[in-house]
Amino acid sequence: MPSSVDNALRLLELIGEQQTLRVSEAAARLGVAPSTAHRLLSALRRRGFVLQDKPNGVYRPGPVLNEIGLAAIGRIDIRSVARPVLEELSQQTLETVSLTLLEGRDVRFVDCVESPRTVRVGDRTGVVMPAHCTAAGKAILAALPATELDRRYRDRALRTRTAGSITTWDRLQAELALVRRHGYALNEEEGEEGICAVAVAVRDLTDTPIAAIAVVLPAARTAKADARREFVPHLERAVESVQELLHARLT
């Protein structure tokens, strides 16, 4: 008889193949009681391997599976797909642009194209920062399901980097709600003094956020209220291009 571990791994295979799975179908495919299938799926959900949008609803791939898949593809592949798009975006905006991935509660800058201007934000490739202190991080966090946010921030603790950093869970929730409403995230010198940014999340085929593209610029150039918002149409087109290119490689 297959062990619980074998059954759990088989469930992950089914989720990966079908993208959605009901308890009744899981029980039938495994040849176990519905209660057993429910227990296994619940354990996978608690660990972030699967998600369930509502009680008694279908299960679908969770963020941990997507992170594993992202690692399997390799960051260099994502960078190679995005690099020409980043270069074009920098030429359009004349500002520094970056590609960022979520790692737990942090983000890592994995690629960057510097602005051609004399006064500019430098290359941040390899830098790790708290996600909630960056535009890219907030763009990704806002696209995560509420259950996944709770999993990552169970203690609600938020690190600070500057006087502008978000320090409370309620304020972060309000900020993420604005990001969802507008479709982009802003950074008001929250990660580094003198630096502002605007970012949009990159999503995979299951609509899960896997990265973010940001336009990053000196705060001195954001004096006009809508200075960064002017970059949003360019960002949205860049994100759409990266998604199309990445999806083409994965299908």
Protein backbone atom coordinates (compact mmCIF):
# COMPACT_ATOMS: atom_id res chain seq x y z
CA MET A 1 0.00 0.00 0.00
CA PRO A 2 1.41 3.45 -0.91
CA SER A 3 2.59 5.53 2.04
CA SER A 4 1.24 8.96 2.94
CA VAL A 5 4.36 10.47 1.41
CA ASP A 6 3.76 8.61 -1.85
CA ASN A 7 0.14 9.78 -1.92
CA ALA A 8 1.14 13.37 -1.17
CA LEU A 9 3.66 13.32 -4.01
CA ARG A 10 1.07 11.85 -6.36
CA LEU A 11 -1.31 14.68 -5.41
CA LEU A 12 1.38 17.21 -6.30
CA GLU A 13 1.81 15.52 -9.68
CA LEU A 14 -1.95 15.67 -10.29
CA ILE A 15 -2.11 19.34 -9.30
CA GLY A 16 0.79 20.11 -11.62
CA GLU A 17 -0.79 18.24 -14.52
CA GLN A 18 -4.39 19.44 -14.15
CA GLN A 19 -3.97 22.80 -12.34
CA THR A 20 -7.16 22.13 -10.34
CA LEU A 21 -8.19 19.17 -8.18
CA ARG A 22 -11.24 18.36 -6.05
CA VAL A 23 -11.17 16.17 -2.95
CA SER A 24 -13.49 13.60 -4.55
CA GLU A 25 -11.28 13.35 -7.63
CA ALA A 26 -8.14 13.09 -5.50
CA ALA A 27 -9.67 10.26 -3.47
CA ALA A 28 -10.67 8.40 -6.62
CA ARG A 29 -7.25 8.78 -8.28
CA LEU A 30 -5.41 7.65 -5.15
CA GLY A 31 -7.88 4.93 -4.23
CA VAL A 32 -8.34 6.28 -0.71
CA ALA A 33 -11.22 7.58 1.37
CA PRO A 34 -12.27 11.23 0.80
CA SER A 35 -11.29 11.98 4.41
CA THR A 36 -7.76 10.78 3.70
CA ALA A 37 -7.51 12.84 0.52
CA HIS A 38 -8.80 15.88 2.39
CA ARG A 39 -6.24 15.40 5.15
CA LEU A 40 -3.38 15.18 2.64
CA LEU A 41 -4.53 18.20 0.67
CA SER A 42 -4.98 20.20 3.88
CA ALA A 43 -1.41 19.38 4.91
CA LEU A 44 -0.13 20.49 1.50
CA ARG A 45 -2.18 23.69 1.76
CA ARG A 46 -0.72 24.56 5.17
CA ARG A 47 2.77 24.29 3.68
CA GLY A 48 1.90 26.43 0.66
CA PHE A 49 2.15 23.65 -1.94
CA VAL A 50 -1.51 24.06 -2.91
CA LEU A 51 -4.09 26.81 -2.51
CA GLN A 52 -7.83 26.75 -1.92
CA ASP A 53 -9.64 29.99 -2.67
CA LYS A 54 -12.71 29.12 -0.60
CA PRO A 55 -13.85 26.36 1.78
CA ASN A 56 -14.81 23.17 -0.09
CA GLY A 57 -13.45 24.70 -3.30
CA VAL A 58 -10.98 23.21 -5.74
CA TYR A 59 -7.27 23.05 -4.98
CA ARG A 60 -4.72 24.57 -7.34
CA PRO A 61 -0.92 25.03 -7.39
CA GLY A 62 0.39 27.08 -4.50
CA PRO A 63 3.31 29.52 -4.30
CA VAL A 64 5.79 26.92 -3.07
CA LEU A 65 5.20 24.80 -6.17
CA ASN A 66 5.63 27.88 -8.33
CA GLU A 67 8.85 28.79 -6.51
CA ILE A 68 10.16 25.26 -7.06
CA GLY A 69 9.19 25.46 -10.70
CA LEU A 70 10.90 28.81 -11.01
CA ALA A 71 14.08 27.38 -9.54
CA ALA A 72 13.90 24.45 -11.93
CA ILE A 73 13.62 26.76 -14.92
CA GLY A 74 16.58 28.71 -13.60
CA ARG A 75 16.95 32.41 -12.99
CA ILE A 76 19.31 32.75 -15.92
CA ASP A 77 16.47 31.74 -18.25
CA ILE A 78 14.17 34.39 -16.81
CA ARG A 79 16.93 36.96 -17.09
CA SER A 80 17.64 36.01 -20.69
CA VAL A 81 13.95 36.31 -21.55
CA ALA A 82 13.53 39.64 -19.78
CA ARG A 83 16.84 41.28 -20.64
CA PRO A 84 15.93 42.71 -24.07
CA VAL A 85 12.63 43.96 -22.63
CA LEU A 86 14.44 45.65 -19.73
CA GLU A 87 16.83 47.33 -22.15
CA GLU A 88 13.97 48.66 -24.25
CA LEU A 89 12.11 49.87 -21.16
CA SER A 90 15.18 51.75 -19.96
CA GLN A 91 15.50 53.42 -23.37
CA GLN A 92 11.84 54.43 -23.26
CA THR A 93 11.90 55.85 -19.75
CA LEU A 94 15.56 56.97 -19.59
CA GLU A 95 15.62 55.52 -16.08
CA THR A 96 17.11 52.46 -14.39
CA VAL A 97 14.93 49.36 -14.59
CA SER A 98 15.16 46.12 -12.62
CA LEU A 99 13.90 42.54 -12.54
CA THR A 100 13.10 41.25 -9.05
CA LEU A 101 12.10 37.92 -7.51
CA LEU A 102 10.38 37.22 -4.18
CA GLU A 103 12.30 35.14 -1.62
CA GLY A 104 10.27 34.58 1.52
CA ARG A 105 9.66 38.07 2.90
CA ASP A 106 12.48 39.56 0.83
CA VAL A 107 13.07 40.43 -2.79
CA ARG A 108 16.26 39.86 -4.74
CA PHE A 109 17.25 42.06 -7.67
CA VAL A 110 18.34 39.56 -10.33
CA ASP A 111 18.95 41.92 -13.26
CA CYS A 112 19.18 45.63 -13.92
CA VAL A 113 19.72 48.07 -16.78
CA GLU A 114 21.07 51.42 -15.67
CA SER A 115 19.73 54.75 -16.85
CA PRO A 116 21.87 56.57 -19.43
CA ARG A 117 21.55 59.76 -17.35
CA THR A 118 24.44 61.11 -15.32
CA VAL A 119 22.35 61.25 -12.14
CA ARG A 120 20.78 57.81 -11.85
CA VAL A 121 20.11 54.85 -9.58
CA GLY A 122 22.94 52.33 -9.84
CA ASP A 123 22.82 48.62 -10.59
CA ARG A 124 21.15 46.68 -7.74
CA THR A 125 21.73 43.18 -9.13
CA GLY A 126 22.19 40.74 -6.24
CA VAL A 127 20.84 43.11 -3.60
CA VAL A 128 18.27 41.66 -1.17
CA MET A 129 15.74 43.92 0.59
CA PRO A 130 12.51 43.48 2.59
CA ALA A 131 9.72 43.03 0.05
CA HIS A 132 7.39 45.55 1.70
CA CYS A 133 10.08 48.25 1.41
CA THR A 134 10.22 48.10 -2.40
CA ALA A 135 7.80 48.80 -5.23
CA ALA A 136 8.63 45.44 -6.83
CA GLY A 137 8.04 43.58 -3.59
CA LYS A 138 4.72 45.27 -2.96
CA ALA A 139 3.62 44.51 -6.53
CA ILE A 140 4.29 40.81 -5.97
CA LEU A 141 2.83 40.70 -2.45
CA ALA A 142 -0.37 42.38 -3.63
CA ALA A 143 -0.84 39.65 -6.25
CA LEU A 144 -0.56 36.81 -3.72
CA PRO A 145 -3.69 35.22 -2.21
CA ALA A 146 -4.53 36.34 1.32
CA THR A 147 -3.74 32.87 2.64
CA GLU A 148 -0.22 33.06 1.23
CA LEU A 149 0.38 36.50 2.74
CA ASP A 150 -0.71 35.11 6.10
CA ARG A 151 1.69 32.18 5.70
CA ARG A 152 4.64 34.45 5.00
CA TYR A 153 3.79 37.02 7.67
CA ARG A 154 2.30 34.94 10.48
CA ASP A 155 3.91 37.13 13.13
CA ARG A 156 3.00 40.35 11.26
CA ALA A 157 6.53 41.64 11.92
CA LEU A 158 7.92 44.15 9.42
CA ARG A 159 11.56 45.25 9.22
CA THR A 160 12.30 48.90 8.54
CA ARG A 161 15.08 50.48 6.49
CA THR A 162 14.21 54.17 6.39
CA ALA A 163 11.87 56.64 8.05
CA GLY A 164 9.49 56.04 5.15
CA SER A 165 9.29 52.25 5.57
CA ILE A 166 5.89 50.72 6.30
CA THR A 167 5.98 49.59 9.93
CA THR A 168 2.53 48.11 10.69
CA TRP A 169 0.53 45.24 9.21
CA ASP A 170 -2.61 47.38 8.87
CA ARG A 171 -0.75 49.99 6.86
CA LEU A 172 0.78 47.32 4.63
CA GLN A 173 -2.64 45.79 4.03
CA ALA A 174 -4.02 49.20 3.05
CA GLU A 175 -1.07 49.78 0.71
CA LEU A 176 -1.48 46.40 -0.97
CA ALA A 177 -5.18 47.10 -1.47
CA LEU A 178 -4.22 50.25 -3.39
CA VAL A 179 -1.75 48.26 -5.49
CA ARG A 180 -4.48 45.77 -6.42
CA ARG A 181 -6.84 48.61 -7.33
CA HIS A 182 -4.36 50.49 -9.51
CA GLY A 183 -2.36 47.56 -10.90
CA TYR A 184 1.03 48.98 -9.95
CA ALA A 185 3.04 49.69 -6.79
CA LEU A 186 4.95 52.77 -5.71
CA ASN A 187 7.97 53.17 -3.43
CA GLU A 188 8.40 56.47 -1.60
CA GLU A 189 12.00 56.25 -0.32
CA GLU A 190 10.94 53.24 1.75
CA GLY A 191 13.93 51.02 1.05
CA GLU A 192 16.66 53.60 0.49
CA GLU A 193 16.59 57.33 1.09
CA GLY A 194 16.61 59.34 -2.11
CA ILE A 195 15.28 56.50 -4.28
CA CYS A 196 11.72 56.01 -5.56
CA ALA A 197 10.21 53.43 -7.91
CA VAL A 198 7.12 52.12 -9.64
CA ALA A 199 6.61 48.40 -10.38
CA VAL A 200 4.24 45.87 -11.95
CA ALA A 201 4.13 42.14 -11.20
CA VAL A 202 4.96 39.45 -13.79
CA ARG A 203 2.60 36.45 -13.63
CA ASP A 204 2.81 32.87 -14.81
CA LEU A 205 0.21 30.77 -16.64
CA THR A 206 -1.75 30.22 -13.41
CA ASP A 207 -1.81 33.99 -12.70
CA THR A 208 0.66 33.54 -9.84
CA PRO A 209 3.18 36.40 -9.44
CA ILE A 210 6.71 35.16 -10.13
CA ALA A 211 8.64 38.41 -10.49
CA ALA A 212 8.27 42.16 -10.90
CA ILE A 213 9.69 44.78 -13.22
CA ALA A 214 10.38 48.22 -11.78
CA VAL A 215 11.44 51.64 -12.99
CA VAL A 216 13.76 53.07 -10.32
CA LEU A 217 14.79 56.71 -10.17
CA PRO A 218 16.19 59.41 -7.88
CA ALA A 219 13.56 60.99 -5.64
CA ALA A 220 14.57 64.41 -6.96
CA ARG A 221 12.97 63.51 -10.30
CA THR A 222 9.61 62.66 -8.72
CA ALA A 223 8.75 66.17 -7.58
CA LYS A 224 5.84 66.25 -9.99
CA ALA A 225 2.97 64.23 -8.45
CA ASP A 226 2.48 61.90 -11.41
CA ALA A 227 6.13 61.60 -12.51
CA ARG A 228 6.35 57.84 -11.91
CA ARG A 229 2.81 57.10 -13.02
CA GLU A 230 3.80 58.24 -16.50
CA PHE A 231 5.94 55.08 -16.67
CA VAL A 232 3.04 52.70 -15.95
CA PRO A 233 1.92 52.18 -19.58
CA HIS A 234 5.51 51.35 -20.56
CA LEU A 235 5.81 49.00 -17.59
CA GLU A 236 2.56 47.23 -18.41
CA ARG A 237 3.68 46.62 -22.00
CA ALA A 238 7.06 45.37 -20.79
CA VAL A 239 5.45 42.95 -18.35
CA GLU A 240 3.08 41.69 -21.03
CA SER A 241 6.03 41.06 -23.35
CA VAL A 242 7.99 39.14 -20.70
CA GLN A 243 4.94 37.04 -19.84
CA GLU A 244 4.34 36.15 -23.47
CA LEU A 245 7.99 35.23 -24.01
CA LEU A 246 8.21 33.22 -20.79
CA HIS A 247 4.94 31.41 -21.43
CA ALA A 248 6.14 30.50 -24.92
CA ARG A 249 9.22 28.82 -23.40
CA LEU A 250 7.17 26.93 -20.83
CA THR A 251 4.50 25.55 -23.19
